[in-house]
Amino acid sequence: MHFQRLFLLAWLFVILPGTCVRAQIVNIEDKRKGFDSVGWYGQIDLGGSLTRNINQVITLNGAVRVDRKGRRQSLLGLADYRLVQVSGKNALNAGFGHLRYAYYLNDRWRWETFGQMQYNEQLRLQLRTLVGTGPRLKLLSFDNNRVYVGTLYMYEYDEVADGEIIYRSHRLSSYLSFNLYAWEHLSISNTTYYQPILPDFRQPRISSVTSVSLKLTDRLSFNTRYSITHDALLNRGLPDVPETTYEWVNGLRYSF
């Protein structure tokens, strides 16, 4: 009975609208996966729709990830693209690519290095490039539940407004992340980032992401994610770009 109710709730989420201005931060924490054995793993997400009434609405989304799990190190590669077009005009056009390497110092500590590129047409973010490195600590671990904290140094390069404005920033990227299993088929995760510009801590970027995953079969699951970001930096140069942006995304995922 409980599973039937949750299944119905999942499909209600699927048919509810969930497209908003895309957040500026890419949450990597909810994209991590635990693997029991050494090897390569992959995952593909694809979706799209076409609606014709007064307007023609086209939506496309796709994502690819590749994981390499080793005994003392791991590699994660991600790519994501989303488009919402209304009568030939883009209401959403954003994408990113991310590569992360981790070396396991011991069971609780690891050292990570990453690079990322992204763009967001609606936020007038033409290009954002990130490189960073720092430690990650497994704070708590029981059954399949995990709590992590991390503090990394990050260099950020932003081109906005068709390259008219360029920001170069040194940032601290600190986060608290947890992944909890409410029951066998349902998991809930949250990550909150705090990213101030160094050495000025007065205008930090703050972001929180919450994800819920409902497993329908061994390989198919329903996922919903809500994220919100506050960042005054872009708004300072571009008053038409809001300081706070949010996103609600629903979809199905097939894993292999």
Protein backbone atom coordinates (compact mmCIF):
# COMPACT_ATOMS: atom_id res chain seq x y z
CA MET A 1 0.00 0.00 0.00
CA HIS A 2 2.76 2.45 0.90
CA PHE A 3 4.57 1.67 -2.36
CA GLN A 4 1.40 2.25 -4.40
CA ARG A 5 0.86 5.65 -2.76
CA LEU A 6 4.45 6.69 -3.41
CA PHE A 7 4.22 5.48 -7.00
CA LEU A 8 1.10 7.62 -7.54
CA LEU A 9 2.82 10.59 -5.92
CA ALA A 10 5.81 10.14 -8.24
CA TRP A 11 3.64 10.32 -11.34
CA LEU A 12 1.89 13.42 -10.00
CA PHE A 13 5.30 15.04 -9.78
CA VAL A 14 6.05 13.98 -13.36
CA ILE A 15 3.01 15.75 -14.80
CA LEU A 16 3.42 18.91 -12.70
CA PRO A 17 5.40 21.74 -14.32
CA GLY A 18 8.98 21.88 -13.13
CA THR A 19 10.99 24.23 -15.35
CA CYS A 20 12.41 27.42 -13.79
CA VAL A 21 15.50 29.59 -14.27
CA ARG A 22 18.44 27.23 -13.93
CA ALA A 23 20.58 27.60 -10.83
CA GLN A 24 24.13 28.86 -11.21
CA ILE A 25 25.76 26.14 -9.08
CA VAL A 26 26.10 22.58 -10.34
CA ASN A 27 25.56 20.23 -7.42
CA ILE A 28 28.00 17.35 -7.80
CA GLU A 29 27.10 15.78 -4.46
CA ASP A 30 23.74 14.45 -5.61
CA LYS A 31 25.49 13.01 -8.67
CA ARG A 32 27.90 10.85 -6.68
CA LYS A 33 27.27 7.13 -6.50
CA GLY A 34 28.71 4.41 -4.35
CA PHE A 35 30.06 1.29 -6.05
CA ASP A 36 30.89 -2.01 -4.40
CA SER A 37 33.45 -3.21 -6.95
CA VAL A 38 36.29 -1.86 -9.05
CA GLY A 39 35.43 -1.04 -12.67
CA TRP A 40 33.73 1.29 -15.12
CA TYR A 41 30.12 2.45 -14.78
CA GLY A 42 27.88 4.54 -17.04
CA GLN A 43 24.52 6.29 -17.09
CA ILE A 44 22.46 8.14 -19.72
CA ASP A 45 19.41 10.38 -19.18
CA LEU A 46 17.36 11.49 -22.20
CA GLY A 47 14.06 13.33 -22.44
CA GLY A 48 12.00 15.63 -24.62
CA SER A 49 8.55 16.86 -25.51
CA LEU A 50 6.69 18.79 -28.22
CA THR A 51 3.51 20.78 -27.51
CA ARG A 52 1.52 22.75 -30.09
CA ASN A 53 -1.38 25.05 -29.16
CA ILE A 54 -1.20 28.85 -29.42
CA ASN A 55 2.57 28.45 -29.10
CA GLN A 56 4.91 25.65 -30.00
CA VAL A 57 6.93 24.44 -27.01
CA ILE A 58 9.94 22.16 -27.43
CA THR A 59 11.86 20.71 -24.49
CA LEU A 60 15.04 18.68 -24.71
CA ASN A 61 17.32 17.36 -22.00
CA GLY A 62 20.20 14.95 -21.94
CA ALA A 63 22.92 13.88 -19.54
CA VAL A 64 25.83 11.45 -19.63
CA ARG A 65 28.06 10.25 -16.81
CA VAL A 66 31.01 7.88 -16.64
CA ASP A 67 32.57 6.57 -13.42
CA ARG A 68 35.84 4.77 -12.90
CA LYS A 69 36.11 3.15 -9.46
CA GLY A 70 39.55 2.05 -8.29
CA ARG A 71 40.90 0.74 -5.00
CA ARG A 72 42.68 4.00 -4.11
CA GLN A 73 41.28 6.47 -6.61
CA SER A 74 38.21 7.33 -8.67
CA LEU A 75 37.24 9.39 -11.69
CA LEU A 76 33.88 11.03 -12.43
CA GLY A 77 32.86 12.62 -15.74
CA LEU A 78 29.55 14.43 -16.29
CA ALA A 79 27.87 16.31 -19.14
CA ASP A 80 24.41 17.88 -19.15
CA TYR A 81 22.30 19.93 -21.59
CA ARG A 82 18.79 21.43 -21.32
CA LEU A 83 16.67 23.42 -23.75
CA VAL A 84 13.15 24.84 -23.49
CA GLN A 85 12.05 26.70 -26.62
CA VAL A 86 8.74 28.60 -26.94
CA SER A 87 7.76 29.63 -30.47
CA GLY A 88 11.39 29.67 -31.55
CA LYS A 89 12.66 31.65 -28.53
CA ASN A 90 14.78 30.01 -25.84
CA ALA A 91 13.18 30.10 -22.40
CA LEU A 92 15.99 27.87 -21.08
CA ASN A 93 19.32 27.02 -22.67
CA ALA A 94 22.05 25.75 -20.37
CA GLY A 95 24.71 23.08 -20.15
CA PHE A 96 27.85 21.99 -18.30
CA GLY A 97 30.70 19.52 -18.28
CA HIS A 98 32.50 18.33 -15.14
CA LEU A 99 35.54 16.12 -14.49
CA ARG A 100 36.63 15.10 -10.96
CA TYR A 101 39.51 12.97 -9.68
CA ALA A 102 39.71 11.65 -6.11
CA TYR A 103 42.56 9.96 -4.26
CA TYR A 104 41.64 8.00 -1.12
CA LEU A 105 43.92 8.91 1.78
CA ASN A 106 42.09 6.44 4.04
CA ASP A 107 38.54 5.21 4.65
CA ARG A 108 37.29 8.64 5.80
CA TRP A 109 39.52 11.16 4.03
CA ARG A 110 40.06 11.77 0.32
CA TRP A 111 41.70 14.51 -1.71
CA GLU A 112 39.78 15.75 -4.75
CA THR A 113 40.67 17.83 -7.81
CA PHE A 114 38.12 19.01 -10.35
CA GLY A 115 37.50 21.13 -13.44
CA GLN A 116 34.21 22.38 -14.83
CA MET A 117 32.79 24.45 -17.72
CA GLN A 118 29.21 25.70 -18.00
CA TYR A 119 26.98 28.30 -19.62
CA ASN A 120 23.46 29.66 -19.03
CA GLU A 121 21.87 31.84 -21.68
CA GLN A 122 19.03 33.13 -19.48
CA LEU A 123 21.44 34.25 -16.72
CA ARG A 124 23.59 35.84 -19.48
CA LEU A 125 26.43 33.63 -18.31
CA GLN A 126 28.35 33.05 -21.51
CA LEU A 127 31.09 30.94 -19.92
CA ARG A 128 32.04 29.83 -16.42
CA THR A 129 35.24 27.87 -15.88
CA LEU A 130 36.16 26.37 -12.51
CA VAL A 131 39.22 24.54 -11.21
CA GLY A 132 39.64 23.49 -7.61
CA THR A 133 41.15 21.10 -5.10
CA GLY A 134 40.76 20.18 -1.44
CA PRO A 135 39.90 17.52 1.17
CA ARG A 136 36.63 15.68 1.73
CA LEU A 137 35.69 13.98 5.02
CA LYS A 138 33.17 11.21 5.61
CA LEU A 139 31.66 12.56 8.83
CA LEU A 140 29.13 9.80 9.53
CA SER A 141 28.44 6.41 7.98
CA PHE A 142 25.82 3.86 9.04
CA ASP A 143 24.13 1.25 6.84
CA ASN A 144 23.82 3.02 3.46
CA ASN A 145 23.43 6.47 5.02
CA ARG A 146 26.26 8.99 4.67
CA VAL A 147 27.15 12.49 5.84
CA TYR A 148 30.09 14.39 4.28
CA VAL A 149 31.80 17.74 4.71
CA GLY A 150 34.35 19.35 2.42
CA THR A 151 36.39 22.54 2.07
CA LEU A 152 38.08 23.25 -1.26
CA TYR A 153 39.93 26.12 -2.88
CA MET A 154 38.39 27.12 -6.21
CA TYR A 155 39.40 29.55 -8.98
CA GLU A 156 36.48 30.85 -11.03
CA TYR A 157 36.45 32.66 -14.38
CA ASP A 158 33.13 34.16 -15.58
CA GLU A 159 32.23 35.81 -18.88
CA VAL A 160 28.80 37.48 -18.79
CA ALA A 161 26.76 39.72 -21.09
CA ASP A 162 28.41 38.45 -24.30
CA GLY A 163 31.86 38.89 -22.80
CA GLU A 164 31.33 42.55 -21.87
CA ILE A 165 31.90 41.74 -18.18
CA ILE A 166 34.58 39.35 -16.90
CA TYR A 167 35.01 38.21 -13.29
CA ARG A 168 38.05 36.38 -11.94
CA SER A 169 37.54 35.10 -8.40
CA HIS A 170 39.34 33.03 -5.79
CA ARG A 171 36.70 31.24 -3.71
CA LEU A 172 36.37 28.95 -0.74
CA SER A 173 33.90 26.16 -1.53
CA SER A 174 32.60 24.52 1.66
CA TYR A 175 29.69 22.12 1.83
CA LEU A 176 27.67 19.78 4.03
CA SER A 177 26.10 16.82 2.26
CA PHE A 178 23.97 13.87 3.37
CA ASN A 179 22.26 10.92 1.72
CA LEU A 180 19.65 9.05 3.76
CA TYR A 181 17.49 6.05 2.93
CA ALA A 182 14.01 6.51 4.39
CA TRP A 183 13.28 2.93 3.29
CA GLU A 184 14.58 0.43 0.76
CA HIS A 185 13.21 2.13 -2.35
CA LEU A 186 13.36 5.79 -1.29
CA SER A 187 16.43 7.97 -0.77
CA ILE A 188 16.68 11.64 0.23
CA SER A 189 19.78 13.80 -0.16
CA ASN A 190 20.70 17.40 0.46
CA THR A 191 23.80 19.50 -0.13
CA THR A 192 24.34 23.07 1.03
CA TYR A 193 27.27 25.08 -0.40
CA TYR A 194 28.92 28.17 1.05
CA GLN A 195 31.25 29.85 -1.47
CA PRO A 196 32.62 33.26 -0.43
CA ILE A 197 35.08 35.24 -2.55
CA LEU A 198 38.48 35.34 -0.88
CA PRO A 199 39.48 37.27 1.14
CA ASP A 200 36.13 39.15 1.20
CA PHE A 201 33.44 37.08 2.95
CA ARG A 202 30.69 39.71 2.67
CA GLN A 203 29.07 38.43 -0.55
CA PRO A 204 29.10 34.64 -0.46
CA ARG A 205 27.32 32.44 -2.96
CA ILE A 206 24.95 30.14 -1.07
CA SER A 207 23.19 27.19 -2.62
CA SER A 208 21.04 24.33 -1.35
CA VAL A 209 19.95 21.28 -3.34
CA THR A 210 17.49 18.60 -2.24
CA SER A 211 16.91 15.39 -4.21
CA VAL A 212 14.46 12.52 -3.80
CA SER A 213 14.86 9.24 -5.67
CA LEU A 214 12.17 6.55 -5.84
CA LYS A 215 13.31 3.18 -7.20
CA LEU A 216 10.68 1.66 -9.50
CA THR A 217 12.67 -1.35 -10.76
CA ASP A 218 16.25 -2.57 -10.45
CA ARG A 219 17.35 -0.17 -13.23
CA LEU A 220 14.56 2.42 -13.46
CA SER A 221 13.93 5.17 -10.92
CA PHE A 222 11.96 8.39 -10.59
CA ASN A 223 13.92 11.45 -9.49
CA THR A 224 12.89 14.91 -8.35
CA ARG A 225 15.30 17.71 -7.41
CA TYR A 226 14.83 21.24 -6.08
CA SER A 227 17.72 23.70 -5.96
CA ILE A 228 17.99 27.35 -4.93
CA THR A 229 20.99 29.67 -5.27
CA HIS A 230 21.70 33.17 -3.99
CA ASP A 231 24.55 35.00 -5.74
CA ALA A 232 24.82 38.79 -5.76
CA LEU A 233 27.87 38.90 -8.04
CA LEU A 234 26.05 38.59 -11.37
CA ASN A 235 23.29 40.93 -10.22
CA ARG A 236 25.85 43.60 -9.36
CA GLY A 237 26.94 43.84 -12.99
CA LEU A 238 23.59 42.88 -14.53
CA PRO A 239 20.61 44.24 -12.54
CA ASP A 240 18.15 42.30 -14.73
CA VAL A 241 19.63 38.98 -13.52
CA PRO A 242 18.03 38.00 -10.18
CA GLU A 243 20.19 37.43 -7.11
CA THR A 244 18.18 34.32 -6.25
CA THR A 245 17.38 31.61 -8.78
CA TYR A 246 15.75 28.21 -8.35
CA GLU A 247 15.01 25.06 -10.29
CA TRP A 248 12.65 22.11 -9.90
CA VAL A 249 13.32 19.11 -12.14
CA ASN A 250 11.52 15.76 -12.39
CA GLY A 251 12.38 12.77 -14.52
CA LEU A 252 13.06 9.07 -15.00
CA ARG A 253 16.52 7.53 -14.91
CA TYR A 254 17.74 4.27 -16.44
CA SER A 255 21.04 2.96 -15.07
CA PHE A 256 23.34 0.32 -16.56
